[in-house]
PDB file of N, CA and C in Angstrom:
ATOM      1  N   MET A   1       0.838  -1.190   0.000  1.00  0.00           N
ATOM      2  CA  MET A   1       0.000   0.000   0.000  1.00  0.00           C
ATOM      3  C   MET A   1       0.878   1.248   0.000  1.00  0.00           C
ATOM      4  N   ALA A   2       0.466   2.234  -0.736  1.00  0.00           N
ATOM      5  CA  ALA A   2       1.193   3.502  -0.789  1.00  0.00           C
ATOM      6  C   ALA A   2       0.418   4.556  -0.013  1.00  0.00           C
ATOM      7  N   LYS A   3       1.084   5.202   0.938  1.00  0.00           N
ATOM      8  CA  LYS A   3       0.459   6.250   1.734  1.00  0.00           C
ATOM      9  C   LYS A   3       0.799   7.597   1.110  1.00  0.00           C
ATOM     10  N   HIS A   4      -0.214   8.448   0.945  1.00  0.00           N
ATOM     11  CA  HIS A   4      -0.049   9.752   0.322  1.00  0.00           C
ATOM     12  C   HIS A   4      -0.414  10.851   1.319  1.00  0.00           C
ATOM     13  N   PHE A   5       0.485  11.810   1.517  1.00  0.00           N
ATOM     14  CA  PHE A   5       0.201  12.984   2.335  1.00  0.00           C
ATOM     15  C   PHE A   5      -0.726  13.894   1.545  1.00  0.00           C
ATOM     16  N   VAL A   6      -1.798  14.373   2.187  1.00  0.00           N
ATOM     17  CA  VAL A   6      -2.800  15.168   1.475  1.00  0.00           C
ATOM     18  C   VAL A   6      -2.914  16.575   2.051  1.00  0.00           C
ATOM     19  N   SER A   7      -3.254  16.706   3.322  1.00  0.00           N
ATOM     20  CA  SER A   7      -3.445  17.983   4.006  1.00  0.00           C
ATOM     21  C   SER A   7      -4.426  18.901   3.274  1.00  0.00           C
ATOM     22  N   GLU A   8      -5.655  18.406   3.093  1.00  0.00           N
ATOM     23  CA  GLU A   8      -6.711  19.187   2.443  1.00  0.00           C
ATOM     24  C   GLU A   8      -7.969  19.155   3.313  1.00  0.00           C
ATOM     25  N   PRO A   9      -8.746  20.258   3.291  1.00  0.00           N
ATOM     26  CA  PRO A   9      -9.977  20.266   4.086  1.00  0.00           C
ATOM     27  C   PRO A   9     -11.009  19.293   3.524  1.00  0.00           C
ATOM     28  N   LEU A  10     -11.854  18.820   4.432  1.00  0.00           N
ATOM     29  CA  LEU A  10     -12.934  17.907   4.074  1.00  0.00           C
ATOM     30  C   LEU A  10     -14.276  18.581   4.313  1.00  0.00           C
ATOM     31  N   THR A  11     -15.279  18.141   3.581  1.00  0.00           N
ATOM     32  CA  THR A  11     -16.646  18.566   3.809  1.00  0.00           C
ATOM     33  C   THR A  11     -17.388  17.388   4.421  1.00  0.00           C
ATOM     34  N   VAL A  12     -18.084  17.632   5.516  1.00  0.00           N
ATOM     35  CA  VAL A  12     -18.852  16.570   6.164  1.00  0.00           C
ATOM     36  C   VAL A  12     -20.067  16.245   5.320  1.00  0.00           C
ATOM     37  N   ARG A  13     -20.259  14.981   5.067  1.00  0.00           N
ATOM     38  CA  ARG A  13     -21.450  14.502   4.349  1.00  0.00           C
ATOM     39  C   ARG A  13     -22.340  13.844   5.380  1.00  0.00           C
ATOM     40  N   HIS A  14     -23.545  14.345   5.548  1.00  0.00           N
ATOM     41  CA  HIS A  14     -24.473  13.818   6.559  1.00  0.00           C
ATOM     42  C   HIS A  14     -25.160  12.570   6.030  1.00  0.00           C
ATOM     43  N   ALA A  15     -24.512  11.440   6.202  1.00  0.00           N
ATOM     44  CA  ALA A  15     -25.063  10.151   5.787  1.00  0.00           C
ATOM     45  C   ALA A  15     -25.687   9.484   7.001  1.00  0.00           C
ATOM     46  N   PRO A  16     -26.528   8.468   6.782  1.00  0.00           N
ATOM     47  CA  PRO A  16     -27.083   7.747   7.927  1.00  0.00           C
ATOM     48  C   PRO A  16     -25.965   7.240   8.823  1.00  0.00           C
ATOM     49  N   CYS A  17     -26.182   7.339  10.119  1.00  0.00           N
ATOM     50  CA  CYS A  17     -25.138   6.939  11.049  1.00  0.00           C
ATOM     51  C   CYS A  17     -25.319   5.491  11.496  1.00  0.00           C
ATOM     52  N   HIS A  18     -24.246   4.926  12.036  1.00  0.00           N
ATOM     53  CA  HIS A  18     -24.311   3.614  12.668  1.00  0.00           C
ATOM     54  C   HIS A  18     -23.753   3.748  14.075  1.00  0.00           C
ATOM     55  N   ALA A  19     -23.533   2.685  14.772  1.00  0.00           N
ATOM     56  CA  ALA A  19     -23.208   2.708  16.196  1.00  0.00           C
ATOM     57  C   ALA A  19     -22.017   3.592  16.559  1.00  0.00           C
ATOM     58  N   GLU A  20     -20.964   3.643  15.725  1.00  0.00           N
ATOM     59  CA  GLU A  20     -19.762   4.380  16.075  1.00  0.00           C
ATOM     60  C   GLU A  20     -19.746   5.809  15.533  1.00  0.00           C
ATOM     61  N   VAL A  21     -20.733   6.193  14.739  1.00  0.00           N
ATOM     62  CA  VAL A  21     -20.644   7.432  13.991  1.00  0.00           C
ATOM     63  C   VAL A  21     -21.882   8.290  14.218  1.00  0.00           C
ATOM     64  N   SER A  22     -21.677   9.604  14.340  1.00  0.00           N
ATOM     65  CA  SER A  22     -22.774  10.539  14.530  1.00  0.00           C
ATOM     66  C   SER A  22     -23.072  11.286  13.236  1.00  0.00           C
ATOM     67  N   LYS A  23     -24.341  11.665  13.024  1.00  0.00           N
ATOM     68  CA  LYS A  23     -24.719  12.472  11.858  1.00  0.00           C
ATOM     69  C   LYS A  23     -24.168  13.889  11.965  1.00  0.00           C
ATOM     70  N   HIS A  24     -24.093  14.413  13.169  1.00  0.00           N
ATOM     71  CA  HIS A  24     -23.742  15.805  13.377  1.00  0.00           C
ATOM     72  C   HIS A  24     -22.433  15.914  14.154  1.00  0.00           C
ATOM     73  N   PRO A  25     -21.317  16.123  13.452  1.00  0.00           N
ATOM     74  CA  PRO A  25     -20.018  16.131  14.117  1.00  0.00           C
ATOM     75  C   PRO A  25     -19.841  17.268  15.105  1.00  0.00           C
ATOM     76  N   GLU A  26     -20.577  18.355  14.940  1.00  0.00           N
ATOM     77  CA  GLU A  26     -20.433  19.473  15.862  1.00  0.00           C
ATOM     78  C   GLU A  26     -21.074  19.180  17.212  1.00  0.00           C
ATOM     79  N   GLU A  27     -21.960  18.196  17.260  1.00  0.00           N
ATOM     80  CA  GLU A  27     -22.528  17.776  18.533  1.00  0.00           C
ATOM     81  C   GLU A  27     -21.572  16.783  19.143  1.00  0.00           C
ATOM     82  N   SER A  28     -20.952  17.159  20.244  1.00  0.00           N
ATOM     83  CA  SER A  28     -19.950  16.286  20.824  1.00  0.00           C
ATOM     84  C   SER A  28     -20.322  15.895  22.244  1.00  0.00           C
ATOM     85  N   ARG A  29     -19.709  14.813  22.680  1.00  0.00           N
ATOM     86  CA  ARG A  29     -19.836  14.391  24.074  1.00  0.00           C
ATOM     87  C   ARG A  29     -18.652  14.959  24.804  1.00  0.00           C
ATOM     88  N   GLY A  30     -18.883  15.914  25.701  1.00  0.00           N
ATOM     89  CA  GLY A  30     -17.772  16.542  26.395  1.00  0.00           C
ATOM     90  C   GLY A  30     -16.922  17.299  25.399  1.00  0.00           C
ATOM     91  N   ASN A  31     -15.641  16.972  25.344  1.00  0.00           N
ATOM     92  CA  ASN A  31     -14.717  17.643  24.429  1.00  0.00           C
ATOM     93  C   ASN A  31     -14.400  16.815  23.200  1.00  0.00           C
ATOM     94  N   GLU A  32     -15.053  15.692  23.010  1.00  0.00           N
ATOM     95  CA  GLU A  32     -14.749  14.797  21.897  1.00  0.00           C
ATOM     96  C   GLU A  32     -15.690  15.039  20.711  1.00  0.00           C
ATOM     97  N   PRO A  33     -15.148  15.391  19.547  1.00  0.00           N
ATOM     98  CA  PRO A  33     -16.012  15.508  18.373  1.00  0.00           C
ATOM     99  C   PRO A  33     -16.443  14.117  17.920  1.00  0.00           C
ATOM    100  N   GLN A  34     -17.604  14.018  17.337  1.00  0.00           N
ATOM    101  CA  GLN A  34     -18.102  12.750  16.810  1.00  0.00           C
ATOM    102  C   GLN A  34     -17.669  12.619  15.354  1.00  0.00           C
ATOM    103  N   LEU A  35     -17.115  11.471  15.023  1.00  0.00           N
ATOM    104  CA  LEU A  35     -16.672  11.229  13.647  1.00  0.00           C
ATOM    105  C   LEU A  35     -17.896  11.070  12.746  1.00  0.00           C
ATOM    106  N   PRO A  36     -17.981  11.854  11.668  1.00  0.00           N
ATOM    107  CA  PRO A  36     -19.117  11.730  10.746  1.00  0.00           C
ATOM    108  C   PRO A  36     -19.127  10.375  10.040  1.00  0.00           C
ATOM    109  N   ALA A  37     -20.245  10.017   9.458  1.00  0.00           N
ATOM    110  CA  ALA A  37     -20.369   8.745   8.734  1.00  0.00           C
ATOM    111  C   ALA A  37     -19.614   8.788   7.409  1.00  0.00           C
ATOM    112  N   ALA A  38     -19.454   9.997   6.835  1.00  0.00           N
ATOM    113  CA  ALA A  38     -18.769  10.116   5.548  1.00  0.00           C
ATOM    114  C   ALA A  38     -18.319  11.554   5.333  1.00  0.00           C
ATOM    115  N   PHE A  39     -17.291  11.685   4.487  1.00  0.00           N
ATOM    116  CA  PHE A  39     -16.765  12.985   4.092  1.00  0.00           C
ATOM    117  C   PHE A  39     -16.784  13.085   2.577  1.00  0.00           C
ATOM    118  N   HIS A  40     -16.868  14.320   2.085  1.00  0.00           N
ATOM    119  CA  HIS A  40     -16.693  14.570   0.658  1.00  0.00           C
ATOM    120  C   HIS A  40     -15.298  15.163   0.489  1.00  0.00           C
ATOM    121  N   TRP A  41     -14.509  14.568  -0.406  1.00  0.00           N
ATOM    122  CA  TRP A  41     -13.144  15.032  -0.684  1.00  0.00           C
ATOM    123  C   TRP A  41     -12.910  14.975  -2.181  1.00  0.00           C
ATOM    124  N   ARG A  42     -12.492  16.093  -2.731  1.00  0.00           N
ATOM    125  CA  ARG A  42     -12.309  16.221  -4.172  1.00  0.00           C
ATOM    126  C   ARG A  42     -13.585  15.767  -4.872  1.00  0.00           C
ATOM    127  N   ASP A  43     -13.525  14.689  -5.645  1.00  0.00           N
ATOM    128  CA  ASP A  43     -14.736  14.230  -6.340  1.00  0.00           C
ATOM    129  C   ASP A  43     -15.218  12.885  -5.818  1.00  0.00           C
ATOM    130  N   GLU A  44     -14.864  12.553  -4.584  1.00  0.00           N
ATOM    131  CA  GLU A  44     -15.284  11.258  -4.044  1.00  0.00           C
ATOM    132  C   GLU A  44     -15.806  11.370  -2.620  1.00  0.00           C
ATOM    133  N   THR A  45     -16.487  10.321  -2.206  1.00  0.00           N
ATOM    134  CA  THR A  45     -16.993  10.223  -0.846  1.00  0.00           C
ATOM    135  C   THR A  45     -16.140   9.224  -0.083  1.00  0.00           C
ATOM    136  N   LEU A  46     -15.667   9.641   1.080  1.00  0.00           N
ATOM    137  CA  LEU A  46     -14.906   8.759   1.960  1.00  0.00           C
ATOM    138  C   LEU A  46     -15.847   8.295   3.058  1.00  0.00           C
ATOM    139  N   GLU A  47     -16.401   7.116   2.891  1.00  0.00           N
ATOM    140  CA  GLU A  47     -17.334   6.550   3.856  1.00  0.00           C
ATOM    141  C   GLU A  47     -16.549   5.872   4.978  1.00  0.00           C
ATOM    142  N   VAL A  48     -16.951   6.122   6.223  1.00  0.00           N
ATOM    143  CA  VAL A  48     -16.293   5.502   7.371  1.00  0.00           C
ATOM    144  C   VAL A  48     -16.859   4.102   7.553  1.00  0.00           C
ATOM    145  N   LYS A  49     -16.054   3.105   7.222  1.00  0.00           N
ATOM    146  CA  LYS A  49     -16.482   1.714   7.360  1.00  0.00           C
ATOM    147  C   LYS A  49     -16.109   1.171   8.741  1.00  0.00           C
ATOM    148  N   ALA A  50     -14.857   1.381   9.173  1.00  0.00           N
ATOM    149  CA  ALA A  50     -14.400   0.889  10.469  1.00  0.00           C
ATOM    150  C   ALA A  50     -13.294   1.797  10.999  1.00  0.00           C
ATOM    151  N   VAL A  51     -13.441   2.229  12.239  1.00  0.00           N
ATOM    152  CA  VAL A  51     -12.418   3.055  12.876  1.00  0.00           C
ATOM    153  C   VAL A  51     -11.297   2.142  13.350  1.00  0.00           C
ATOM    154  N   ARG A  52     -10.064   2.467  12.968  1.00  0.00           N
ATOM    155  CA  ARG A  52      -8.904   1.654  13.345  1.00  0.00           C
ATOM    156  C   ARG A  52      -8.175   2.216  14.553  1.00  0.00           C
ATOM    157  N   ASN A  53      -8.139   3.560  14.663  1.00  0.00           N
ATOM    158  CA  ASN A  53      -7.358   4.173  15.728  1.00  0.00           C
ATOM    159  C   ASN A  53      -7.850   5.599  15.971  1.00  0.00           C
ATOM    160  N   THR A  54      -7.736   6.048  17.216  1.00  0.00           N
ATOM    161  CA  THR A  54      -8.011   7.441  17.564  1.00  0.00           C
ATOM    162  C   THR A  54      -6.906   7.910  18.498  1.00  0.00           C
ATOM    163  N   ARG A  55      -6.643   9.206  18.456  1.00  0.00           N
ATOM    164  CA  ARG A  55      -5.661   9.790  19.370  1.00  0.00           C
ATOM    165  C   ARG A  55      -5.891  11.293  19.436  1.00  0.00           C
ATOM    166  N   ARG A  56      -5.152  11.951  20.302  1.00  0.00           N
ATOM    167  CA  ARG A  56      -5.229  13.409  20.440  1.00  0.00           C
ATOM    168  C   ARG A  56      -3.821  13.984  20.390  1.00  0.00           C
ATOM    169  N   SER A  57      -3.709  15.213  19.933  1.00  0.00           N
ATOM    170  CA  SER A  57      -2.434  15.913  20.010  1.00  0.00           C
ATOM    171  C   SER A  57      -2.651  17.218  20.768  1.00  0.00           C
ATOM    172  N   THR A  58      -1.611  17.666  21.439  1.00  0.00           N
ATOM    173  CA  THR A  58      -1.710  18.853  22.286  1.00  0.00           C
ATOM    174  C   THR A  58      -0.735  19.926  21.826  1.00  0.00           C
ATOM    175  N   LYS A  59      -0.916  21.103  22.396  1.00  0.00           N
ATOM    176  CA  LYS A  59      -0.057  22.249  22.116  1.00  0.00           C
ATOM    177  C   LYS A  59       0.272  22.907  23.453  1.00  0.00           C
ATOM    178  N   ASP A  60       1.521  23.266  23.649  1.00  0.00           N
ATOM    179  CA  ASP A  60       1.936  23.990  24.851  1.00  0.00           C
ATOM    180  C   ASP A  60       2.003  25.480  24.537  1.00  0.00           C
ATOM    181  N   ASP A  61       1.444  26.279  25.430  1.00  0.00           N
ATOM    182  CA  ASP A  61       1.445  27.723  25.248  1.00  0.00           C
ATOM    183  C   ASP A  61       1.540  28.390  26.612  1.00  0.00           C
ATOM    184  N   ARG A  62       2.612  29.119  26.832  1.00  0.00           N
ATOM    185  CA  ARG A  62       2.833  29.864  28.075  1.00  0.00           C
ATOM    186  C   ARG A  62       2.680  28.995  29.323  1.00  0.00           C
ATOM    187  N   GLY A  63       3.225  27.798  29.251  1.00  0.00           N
ATOM    188  CA  GLY A  63       3.211  26.911  30.404  1.00  0.00           C
ATOM    189  C   GLY A  63       1.960  26.059  30.546  1.00  0.00           C
ATOM    190  N   ASP A  64       0.968  26.265  29.698  1.00  0.00           N
ATOM    191  CA  ASP A  64      -0.255  25.469  29.741  1.00  0.00           C
ATOM    192  C   ASP A  64      -0.290  24.529  28.546  1.00  0.00           C
ATOM    193  N   THR A  65      -0.937  23.399  28.720  1.00  0.00           N
ATOM    194  CA  THR A  65      -1.095  22.427  27.639  1.00  0.00           C
ATOM    195  C   THR A  65      -2.548  22.421  27.192  1.00  0.00           C
ATOM    196  N   TYR A  66      -2.771  22.553  25.884  1.00  0.00           N
ATOM    197  CA  TYR A  66      -4.111  22.599  25.313  1.00  0.00           C
ATOM    198  C   TYR A  66      -4.321  21.447  24.340  1.00  0.00           C
ATOM    199  N   LEU A  67      -5.535  20.943  24.310  1.00  0.00           N
ATOM    200  CA  LEU A  67      -5.910  19.924  23.342  1.00  0.00           C
ATOM    201  C   LEU A  67      -6.062  20.611  21.988  1.00  0.00           C
ATOM    202  N   LYS A  68      -5.293  20.175  20.995  1.00  0.00           N
ATOM    203  CA  LYS A  68      -5.265  20.848  19.695  1.00  0.00           C
ATOM    204  C   LYS A  68      -6.081  20.117  18.627  1.00  0.00           C
ATOM    205  N   ARG A  69      -5.831  18.800  18.475  1.00  0.00           N
ATOM    206  CA  ARG A  69      -6.481  18.039  17.407  1.00  0.00           C
ATOM    207  C   ARG A  69      -6.927  16.668  17.894  1.00  0.00           C
ATOM    208  N   HIS A  70      -8.016  16.209  17.289  1.00  0.00           N
ATOM    209  CA  HIS A  70      -8.499  14.839  17.483  1.00  0.00           C
ATOM    210  C   HIS A  70      -8.239  14.107  16.176  1.00  0.00           C
ATOM    211  N   TRP A  71      -7.502  12.994  16.239  1.00  0.00           N
ATOM    212  CA  TRP A  71      -7.109  12.232  15.058  1.00  0.00           C
ATOM    213  C   TRP A  71      -7.906  10.945  14.963  1.00  0.00           C
ATOM    214  N   PHE A  72      -8.268  10.575  13.744  1.00  0.00           N
ATOM    215  CA  PHE A  72      -9.005   9.344  13.488  1.00  0.00           C
ATOM    216  C   PHE A  72      -8.385   8.648  12.278  1.00  0.00           C
ATOM    217  N   GLU A  73      -8.143   7.364  12.405  1.00  0.00           N
ATOM    218  CA  GLU A  73      -7.709   6.559  11.275  1.00  0.00           C
ATOM    219  C   GLU A  73      -8.825   5.556  11.020  1.00  0.00           C
ATOM    220  N   PHE A  74      -9.309   5.503   9.769  1.00  0.00           N
ATOM    221  CA  PHE A  74     -10.421   4.607   9.478  1.00  0.00           C
ATOM    222  C   PHE A  74     -10.284   3.976   8.104  1.00  0.00           C
ATOM    223  N   GLU A  75     -10.956   2.848   7.964  1.00  0.00           N
ATOM    224  CA  GLU A  75     -11.035   2.170   6.675  1.00  0.00           C
ATOM    225  C   GLU A  75     -12.247   2.730   5.954  1.00  0.00           C
ATOM    226  N   THR A  76     -12.058   3.053   4.675  1.00  0.00           N
ATOM    227  CA  THR A  76     -13.175   3.585   3.890  1.00  0.00           C
ATOM    228  C   THR A  76     -13.972   2.432   3.281  1.00  0.00           C
ATOM    229  N   GLY A  77     -15.128   2.741   2.773  1.00  0.00           N
ATOM    230  CA  GLY A  77     -15.945   1.745   2.096  1.00  0.00           C
ATOM    231  C   GLY A  77     -15.256   1.143   0.884  1.00  0.00           C
ATOM    232  N   ALA A  78     -14.292   1.884   0.307  1.00  0.00           N
ATOM    233  CA  ALA A  78     -13.547   1.411  -0.869  1.00  0.00           C
ATOM    234  C   ALA A  78     -12.280   0.651  -0.480  1.00  0.00           C
ATOM    235  N   GLY A  79     -12.070   0.423   0.823  1.00  0.00           N
ATOM    236  CA  GLY A  79     -10.912  -0.333   1.275  1.00  0.00           C
ATOM    237  C   GLY A  79      -9.641   0.467   1.456  1.00  0.00           C
ATOM    238  N   ARG A  80      -9.717   1.785   1.376  1.00  0.00           N
ATOM    239  CA  ARG A  80      -8.550   2.643   1.611  1.00  0.00           C
ATOM    240  C   ARG A  80      -8.470   2.967   3.102  1.00  0.00           C
ATOM    241  N   ILE A  81      -7.309   3.409   3.559  1.00  0.00           N
ATOM    242  CA  ILE A  81      -7.121   3.826   4.943  1.00  0.00           C
ATOM    243  C   ILE A  81      -6.917   5.340   4.946  1.00  0.00           C
ATOM    244  N   ALA A  82      -7.794   6.055   5.648  1.00  0.00           N
ATOM    245  CA  ALA A  82      -7.723   7.513   5.714  1.00  0.00           C
ATOM    246  C   ALA A  82      -7.348   7.946   7.120  1.00  0.00           C
ATOM    247  N   THR A  83      -6.511   8.975   7.212  1.00  0.00           N
ATOM    248  CA  THR A  83      -6.182   9.610   8.486  1.00  0.00           C
ATOM    249  C   THR A  83      -6.707  11.032   8.411  1.00  0.00           C
ATOM    250  N   VAL A  84      -7.637  11.359   9.312  1.00  0.00           N
ATOM    251  CA  VAL A  84      -8.240  12.690   9.346  1.00  0.00           C
ATOM    252  C   VAL A  84      -8.061  13.277  10.736  1.00  0.00           C
ATOM    253  N   TYR A  85      -8.174  14.590  10.814  1.00  0.00           N
ATOM    254  CA  TYR A  85      -8.167  15.211  12.133  1.00  0.00           C
ATOM    255  C   TYR A  85      -9.207  16.325  12.203  1.00  0.00           C
ATOM    256  N   TYR A  86      -9.643  16.579  13.437  1.00  0.00           N
ATOM    257  CA  TYR A  86     -10.572  17.654  13.756  1.00  0.00           C
ATOM    258  C   TYR A  86      -9.752  18.735  14.450  1.00  0.00           C
ATOM    259  N   ASP A  87      -9.690  19.929  13.864  1.00  0.00           N
ATOM    260  CA  ASP A  87      -8.887  21.030  14.393  1.00  0.00           C
ATOM    261  C   ASP A  87      -9.729  21.872  15.346  1.00  0.00           C
ATOM    262  N   ARG A  88      -9.433  21.764  16.628  1.00  0.00           N
ATOM    263  CA  ARG A  88     -10.185  22.507  17.645  1.00  0.00           C
ATOM    264  C   ARG A  88      -9.904  24.006  17.600  1.00  0.00           C
ATOM    265  N   ALA A  89      -8.772  24.407  17.030  1.00  0.00           N
ATOM    266  CA  ALA A  89      -8.381  25.812  17.009  1.00  0.00           C
ATOM    267  C   ALA A  89      -8.809  26.540  15.737  1.00  0.00           C
ATOM    268  N   ALA A  90      -9.591  25.896  14.885  1.00  0.00           N
ATOM    269  CA  ALA A  90     -10.011  26.540  13.630  1.00  0.00           C
ATOM    270  C   ALA A  90     -10.871  27.770  13.930  1.00  0.00           C
ATOM    271  N   LYS A  91     -10.628  28.807  13.191  1.00  0.00           N
ATOM    272  CA  LYS A  91     -11.412  30.038  13.338  1.00  0.00           C
ATOM    273  C   LYS A  91     -12.804  29.838  12.746  1.00  0.00           C
ATOM    274  N   ARG A  92     -13.746  30.639  13.180  1.00  0.00           N
ATOM    275  CA  ARG A  92     -15.113  30.570  12.666  1.00  0.00           C
ATOM    276  C   ARG A  92     -15.111  30.714  11.149  1.00  0.00           C
ATOM    277  N   GLY A  93     -15.831  29.821  10.486  1.00  0.00           N
ATOM    278  CA  GLY A  93     -15.922  29.844   9.035  1.00  0.00           C
ATOM    279  C   GLY A  93     -14.793  29.095   8.330  1.00  0.00           C
ATOM    280  N   GLN A  94     -13.813  28.643   9.081  1.00  0.00           N
ATOM    281  CA  GLN A  94     -12.704  27.883   8.508  1.00  0.00           C
ATOM    282  C   GLN A  94     -12.959  26.388   8.690  1.00  0.00           C
ATOM    283  N   PRO A  95     -12.379  25.539   7.841  1.00  0.00           N
ATOM    284  CA  PRO A  95     -12.604  24.090   7.962  1.00  0.00           C
ATOM    285  C   PRO A  95     -12.089  23.542   9.297  1.00  0.00           C
ATOM    286  N   ARG A  96     -12.840  22.616   9.862  1.00  0.00           N
ATOM    287  CA  ARG A  96     -12.416  21.945  11.090  1.00  0.00           C
ATOM    288  C   ARG A  96     -11.902  20.544  10.802  1.00  0.00           C
ATOM    289  N   TRP A  97     -12.452  19.890   9.780  1.00  0.00           N
ATOM    290  CA  TRP A  97     -12.035  18.537   9.425  1.00  0.00           C
ATOM    291  C   TRP A  97     -11.044  18.575   8.277  1.00  0.00           C
ATOM    292  N   TRP A  98      -9.953  17.802   8.411  1.00  0.00           N
ATOM    293  CA  TRP A  98      -8.889  17.763   7.412  1.00  0.00           C
ATOM    294  C   TRP A  98      -8.502  16.315   7.115  1.00  0.00           C
ATOM    295  N   LEU A  99      -8.237  16.052   5.843  1.00  0.00           N
ATOM    296  CA  LEU A  99      -7.666  14.766   5.449  1.00  0.00           C
ATOM    297  C   LEU A  99      -6.162  14.935   5.503  1.00  0.00           C
ATOM    298  N   TYR A 100      -5.531  14.215   6.416  1.00  0.00           N
ATOM    299  CA  TYR A 100      -4.080  14.306   6.583  1.00  0.00           C
ATOM    300  C   TYR A 100      -3.362  13.409   5.568  1.00  0.00           C
ATOM    301  N   ALA A 101      -3.808  12.140   5.480  1.00  0.00           N
ATOM    302  CA  ALA A 101      -3.163  11.200   4.563  1.00  0.00           C
ATOM    303  C   ALA A 101      -4.150  10.122   4.176  1.00  0.00           C
ATOM    304  N   ILE A 102      -3.860   9.465   3.051  1.00  0.00           N
ATOM    305  CA  ILE A 102      -4.709   8.353   2.594  1.00  0.00           C
ATOM    306  C   ILE A 102      -3.818   7.268   1.983  1.00  0.00           C
ATOM    307  N   GLU A 103      -4.167   6.017   2.268  1.00  0.00           N
ATOM    308  CA  GLU A 103      -3.448   4.878   1.723  1.00  0.00           C
ATOM    309  C   GLU A 103      -4.328   4.185   0.700  1.00  0.00           C
ATOM    310  N   ASP A 104      -3.725   3.809  -0.395  1.00  0.00           N
ATOM    311  CA  ASP A 104      -4.429   3.046  -1.405  1.00  0.00           C
ATOM    312  C   ASP A 104      -4.576   1.617  -0.934  1.00  0.00           C
ATOM    313  N   GLY A 105      -5.630   0.940  -1.400  1.00  0.00           N
ATOM    314  CA  GLY A 105      -5.834  -0.465  -1.065  1.00  0.00           C
ATOM    315  C   GLY A 105      -4.813  -1.349  -1.747  1.00  0.00           C
ATOM    316  N   CYS A 106      -4.884  -2.619  -1.439  1.00  0.00           N
ATOM    317  CA  CYS A 106      -3.911  -3.587  -1.999  1.00  0.00           C
ATOM    318  C   CYS A 106      -4.054  -3.729  -3.496  1.00  0.00           C
TER     319      CYS A 106
END
């Protein structure tokens, strides 16, 4: 499999949800964003088939540590592996969801 760095914003596609996925990513439990069921990227839909991994990254500023991004790695409906993140520091009107990298299937 070849992994490709992308770093492009994603558009949330409100598809029917299943047990692990919420229709509305802005509705979160506590500080955790809910991973949407699908994203629109370029001319394709990246459907979340199975979540493989989640993590968080932080930022230090003036002696304090802040939660910066929520990362999700998932298998798409087409068998690709996508790594996306939710940017908590995005300004109003700016994209919050980003495609960091994508791996082609076998």
